[in-house]
Amino acid sequence: MGKIAAHRAISEYQTVNIDARVGEATPHRLVSMMFEGATSRINRAKGAVKRKEIALKGELISQSITIVDALRESLNLDEGGDLAENLWLLYEYITKRLVVANSKNSVDMLDECNGLLGQVREAWDQMPTELRVANRQELSSYALVQ
C-alpha cells in the first residue's frame, strides 16, 4: 500500500470511528468531544505556524472556529441566564482571537484560546454524574443545551 493510500485509509477509519462515537454519545460527551476537537486543532495549528505551513494553519484554525461557533450556538440563552450569556461572550471572544491569531501567525494567541477553552472544559467535566448521563430533553430542563 502506497503512502497516499495509507493516509486515505487512516483518514477513512478515523471518520468512521468518530461517527460511531458521536452516534453513541450523550449530549455531555458530544460537548466534551467538541472541546477536544477544538483544542486538538489549535495545538496542530501551533505546530503548523512553527513549521510555516500557512495553508494547514489556516485550515486548522478555521475548523477550530467552526467548533467554537457550534459550542456557542448550542447554548440555551432563553433559560441559561448569566452563565449562558457569559459563555456566549467568551466563545465570541475566542473566535475573534482565533481570527487574529491566524492573521498574525500568533502562537501566543492560540495558547490563550486553548487556555480559555481548557478552563471551560474543566468546569464542564466537573458536572455532576446525573447531568453527564442525561439525554438532550433532560439537559434542556437544566438550560444547558437547546
C-alpha atoms as a PDB file:
ATOM      1  CA  MET A   1       0.000   0.000   0.000  1.00  0.00           C
ATOM      2  CA  GLY A   2       1.421   3.362  -1.022  1.00  0.00           C
ATOM      3  CA  LYS A   3       1.858   6.319   1.316  1.00  0.00           C
ATOM      4  CA  ILE A   4      -1.138   8.232  -0.107  1.00  0.00           C
ATOM      5  CA  ALA A   5      -3.381   5.160   0.020  1.00  0.00           C
ATOM      6  CA  ALA A   6      -2.327   4.540   3.626  1.00  0.00           C
ATOM      7  CA  HIS A   7      -3.189   8.134   4.581  1.00  0.00           C
ATOM      8  CA  ARG A   8      -6.605   7.792   2.916  1.00  0.00           C
ATOM      9  CA  ALA A   9      -7.287   4.522   4.737  1.00  0.00           C
ATOM     10  CA  ILE A  10      -6.316   6.068   8.083  1.00  0.00           C
ATOM     11  CA  SER A  11      -8.463   9.126   7.380  1.00  0.00           C
ATOM     12  CA  GLU A  12     -11.466   6.982   6.461  1.00  0.00           C
ATOM     13  CA  TYR A  13     -11.005   4.851   9.592  1.00  0.00           C
ATOM     14  CA  GLN A  14     -10.838   7.978  11.772  1.00  0.00           C
ATOM     15  CA  THR A  15     -14.020   9.346  10.185  1.00  0.00           C
ATOM     16  CA  VAL A  16     -15.896   6.078  10.769  1.00  0.00           C
ATOM     17  CA  ASN A  17     -14.549   5.895  14.325  1.00  0.00           C
ATOM     18  CA  ILE A  18     -15.667   9.458  15.084  1.00  0.00           C
ATOM     19  CA  ASP A  19     -19.093   8.852  13.526  1.00  0.00           C
ATOM     20  CA  ALA A  20     -19.545   5.768  15.710  1.00  0.00           C
ATOM     21  CA  ARG A  21     -18.559   7.658  18.869  1.00  0.00           C
ATOM     22  CA  VAL A  22     -20.908  10.537  18.024  1.00  0.00           C
ATOM     23  CA  GLY A  23     -23.806   8.143  17.454  1.00  0.00           C
ATOM     24  CA  GLU A  24     -23.334   6.605  20.894  1.00  0.00           C
ATOM     25  CA  ALA A  25     -22.510   9.773  22.836  1.00  0.00           C
ATOM     26  CA  THR A  26     -24.624  11.587  25.387  1.00  0.00           C
ATOM     27  CA  PRO A  27     -25.019  15.347  24.909  1.00  0.00           C
ATOM     28  CA  HIS A  28     -22.423  15.838  27.654  1.00  0.00           C
ATOM     29  CA  ARG A  29     -19.936  13.658  25.789  1.00  0.00           C
ATOM     30  CA  LEU A  30     -20.672  15.439  22.493  1.00  0.00           C
ATOM     31  CA  VAL A  31     -19.750  18.778  24.054  1.00  0.00           C
ATOM     32  CA  SER A  32     -16.608  17.203  25.525  1.00  0.00           C
ATOM     33  CA  MET A  33     -15.735  15.929  22.052  1.00  0.00           C
ATOM     34  CA  MET A  34     -16.147  19.460  20.688  1.00  0.00           C
ATOM     35  CA  PHE A  35     -13.732  20.803  23.316  1.00  0.00           C
ATOM     36  CA  GLU A  36     -11.283  18.025  22.416  1.00  0.00           C
ATOM     37  CA  GLY A  37     -11.647  18.755  18.719  1.00  0.00           C
ATOM     38  CA  ALA A  38     -11.119  22.496  19.088  1.00  0.00           C
ATOM     39  CA  THR A  39      -8.086  22.224  21.357  1.00  0.00           C
ATOM     40  CA  SER A  40      -6.548  19.472  19.240  1.00  0.00           C
ATOM     41  CA  ARG A  41      -6.860  21.587  16.107  1.00  0.00           C
ATOM     42  CA  ILE A  42      -5.464  24.666  17.861  1.00  0.00           C
ATOM     43  CA  ASN A  43      -2.467  22.631  19.018  1.00  0.00           C
ATOM     44  CA  ARG A  44      -1.932  21.319  15.495  1.00  0.00           C
ATOM     45  CA  ALA A  45      -2.259  24.887  14.155  1.00  0.00           C
ATOM     46  CA  LYS A  46       0.510  25.963  16.548  1.00  0.00           C
ATOM     47  CA  GLY A  47       2.747  23.307  15.037  1.00  0.00           C
ATOM     48  CA  ALA A  48       1.827  24.468  11.545  1.00  0.00           C
ATOM     49  CA  VAL A  49       2.747  28.055  12.476  1.00  0.00           C
ATOM     50  CA  LYS A  50       6.127  26.903  13.754  1.00  0.00           C
ATOM     51  CA  ARG A  51       6.730  24.881  10.578  1.00  0.00           C
ATOM     52  CA  LYS A  52       5.472  27.768   8.420  1.00  0.00           C
ATOM     53  CA  GLU A  53       2.715  25.592   6.922  1.00  0.00           C
ATOM     54  CA  ILE A  54       0.401  28.535   6.376  1.00  0.00           C
ATOM     55  CA  ALA A  55      -2.361  26.762   4.434  1.00  0.00           C
ATOM     56  CA  LEU A  56      -2.611  23.976   7.023  1.00  0.00           C
ATOM     57  CA  LYS A  57      -2.591  26.518   9.864  1.00  0.00           C
ATOM     58  CA  GLY A  58      -5.477  28.399   8.270  1.00  0.00           C
ATOM     59  CA  GLU A  59      -7.474  25.219   7.726  1.00  0.00           C
ATOM     60  CA  LEU A  60      -6.994  24.060  11.315  1.00  0.00           C
ATOM     61  CA  ILE A  61      -7.888  27.444  12.791  1.00  0.00           C
ATOM     62  CA  SER A  62     -10.961  27.602  10.554  1.00  0.00           C
ATOM     63  CA  GLN A  63     -12.044  24.190  11.848  1.00  0.00           C
ATOM     64  CA  SER A  64     -11.467  25.381  15.434  1.00  0.00           C
ATOM     65  CA  ILE A  65     -13.629  28.439  14.803  1.00  0.00           C
ATOM     66  CA  THR A  66     -16.397  26.231  13.429  1.00  0.00           C
ATOM     67  CA  ILE A  67     -16.317  24.092  16.565  1.00  0.00           C
ATOM     68  CA  VAL A  68     -16.303  27.099  18.916  1.00  0.00           C
ATOM     69  CA  ASP A  69     -19.229  28.559  16.957  1.00  0.00           C
ATOM     70  CA  ALA A  70     -21.087  25.249  17.410  1.00  0.00           C
ATOM     71  CA  LEU A  71     -20.426  25.409  21.162  1.00  0.00           C
ATOM     72  CA  ARG A  72     -21.793  28.956  21.204  1.00  0.00           C
ATOM     73  CA  GLU A  73     -24.869  28.048  19.160  1.00  0.00           C
ATOM     74  CA  SER A  74     -25.657  25.137  21.481  1.00  0.00           C
ATOM     75  CA  LEU A  75     -26.191  27.479  24.441  1.00  0.00           C
ATOM     76  CA  ASN A  76     -29.730  27.966  25.692  1.00  0.00           C
ATOM     77  CA  LEU A  77     -29.853  31.745  26.101  1.00  0.00           C
ATOM     78  CA  ASP A  78     -33.562  31.751  26.952  1.00  0.00           C
ATOM     79  CA  GLU A  79     -33.126  29.680  30.100  1.00  0.00           C
ATOM     80  CA  GLY A  80     -29.393  29.739  30.754  1.00  0.00           C
ATOM     81  CA  GLY A  81     -29.292  33.122  32.450  1.00  0.00           C
ATOM     82  CA  ASP A  82     -25.986  34.855  33.126  1.00  0.00           C
ATOM     83  CA  LEU A  83     -23.976  31.666  32.688  1.00  0.00           C
ATOM     84  CA  ALA A  84     -25.171  31.120  29.120  1.00  0.00           C
ATOM     85  CA  GLU A  85     -24.702  34.809  28.269  1.00  0.00           C
ATOM     86  CA  ASN A  86     -21.169  34.831  29.684  1.00  0.00           C
ATOM     87  CA  LEU A  87     -20.255  31.671  27.799  1.00  0.00           C
ATOM     88  CA  TRP A  88     -21.705  33.196  24.612  1.00  0.00           C
ATOM     89  CA  LEU A  89     -19.456  36.225  25.045  1.00  0.00           C
ATOM     90  CA  LEU A  90     -16.432  34.069  25.893  1.00  0.00           C
ATOM     91  CA  TYR A  91     -16.908  31.895  22.802  1.00  0.00           C
ATOM     92  CA  GLU A  92     -17.343  35.028  20.703  1.00  0.00           C
ATOM     93  CA  TYR A  93     -14.078  36.414  22.144  1.00  0.00           C
ATOM     94  CA  ILE A  94     -12.254  33.128  21.450  1.00  0.00           C
ATOM     95  CA  THR A  95     -13.497  33.171  17.852  1.00  0.00           C
ATOM     96  CA  LYS A  96     -12.231  36.719  17.339  1.00  0.00           C
ATOM     97  CA  ARG A  97      -8.861  35.857  18.890  1.00  0.00           C
ATOM     98  CA  LEU A  98      -8.543  32.829  16.617  1.00  0.00           C
ATOM     99  CA  VAL A  99      -9.138  35.055  13.581  1.00  0.00           C
ATOM    100  CA  VAL A 100      -6.429  37.474  14.744  1.00  0.00           C
ATOM    101  CA  ALA A 101      -4.076  34.599  15.651  1.00  0.00           C
ATOM    102  CA  ASN A 102      -4.497  33.296  12.126  1.00  0.00           C
ATOM    103  CA  SER A 103      -3.703  36.632  10.512  1.00  0.00           C
ATOM    104  CA  LYS A 104      -0.698  37.276  12.780  1.00  0.00           C
ATOM    105  CA  ASN A 105       0.586  33.688  12.999  1.00  0.00           C
ATOM    106  CA  SER A 106       0.488  34.130  16.776  1.00  0.00           C
ATOM    107  CA  VAL A 107       1.255  31.053  18.847  1.00  0.00           C
ATOM    108  CA  ASP A 108       0.646  33.142  21.997  1.00  0.00           C
ATOM    109  CA  MET A 109      -2.926  33.927  20.932  1.00  0.00           C
ATOM    110  CA  LEU A 110      -3.522  30.274  20.100  1.00  0.00           C
ATOM    111  CA  ASP A 111      -2.248  29.374  23.591  1.00  0.00           C
ATOM    112  CA  GLU A 112      -4.637  31.947  25.079  1.00  0.00           C
ATOM    113  CA  CYS A 113      -7.588  30.420  23.218  1.00  0.00           C
ATOM    114  CA  ASN A 114      -6.626  26.922  24.297  1.00  0.00           C
ATOM    115  CA  GLY A 115      -6.279  28.114  27.885  1.00  0.00           C
ATOM    116  CA  LEU A 116      -9.752  29.628  27.875  1.00  0.00           C
ATOM    117  CA  LEU A 117     -11.292  26.552  26.289  1.00  0.00           C
ATOM    118  CA  GLY A 118      -9.427  24.421  28.822  1.00  0.00           C
ATOM    119  CA  GLN A 119     -10.978  26.330  31.722  1.00  0.00           C
ATOM    120  CA  VAL A 120     -14.486  25.892  30.347  1.00  0.00           C
ATOM    121  CA  ARG A 121     -13.834  22.230  29.609  1.00  0.00           C
ATOM    122  CA  GLU A 122     -12.544  21.677  33.143  1.00  0.00           C
ATOM    123  CA  ALA A 123     -15.744  23.169  34.552  1.00  0.00           C
ATOM    124  CA  TRP A 124     -17.790  21.077  32.097  1.00  0.00           C
ATOM    125  CA  ASP A 125     -16.008  17.918  33.245  1.00  0.00           C
ATOM    126  CA  GLN A 126     -16.893  18.740  36.874  1.00  0.00           C
ATOM    127  CA  MET A 127     -20.599  18.432  36.055  1.00  0.00           C
ATOM    128  CA  PRO A 128     -22.487  16.054  38.356  1.00  0.00           C
ATOM    129  CA  THR A 129     -22.868  12.495  37.088  1.00  0.00           C
ATOM    130  CA  GLU A 130     -26.664  12.711  36.755  1.00  0.00           C
ATOM    131  CA  LEU A 131     -26.234  15.526  34.242  1.00  0.00           C
ATOM    132  CA  ARG A 132     -23.431  13.755  32.372  1.00  0.00           C
ATOM    133  CA  VAL A 133     -25.677  10.823  31.516  1.00  0.00           C
ATOM    134  CA  ALA A 134     -28.807  12.885  30.844  1.00  0.00           C
ATOM    135  CA  ASN A 135     -30.321  12.991  27.382  1.00  0.00           C
ATOM    136  CA  ARG A 136     -30.948  16.196  25.423  1.00  0.00           C
ATOM    137  CA  GLN A 137     -34.500  16.647  26.745  1.00  0.00           C
ATOM    138  CA  GLU A 138     -33.369  16.272  30.350  1.00  0.00           C
ATOM    139  CA  LEU A 139     -30.482  18.684  29.836  1.00  0.00           C
ATOM    140  CA  SER A 140     -32.735  21.311  28.268  1.00  0.00           C
ATOM    141  CA  SER A 141     -34.670  21.444  31.524  1.00  0.00           C
ATOM    142  CA  TYR A 142     -31.398  22.474  33.179  1.00  0.00           C
ATOM    143  CA  ALA A 143     -30.879  25.162  30.473  1.00  0.00           C
ATOM    144  CA  LEU A 144     -27.564  23.607  29.470  1.00  0.00           C
ATOM    145  CA  VAL A 145     -28.434  22.935  25.837  1.00  0.00           C
ATOM    146  CA  GLN A 146     -31.137  23.963  23.413  1.00  0.00           C
END
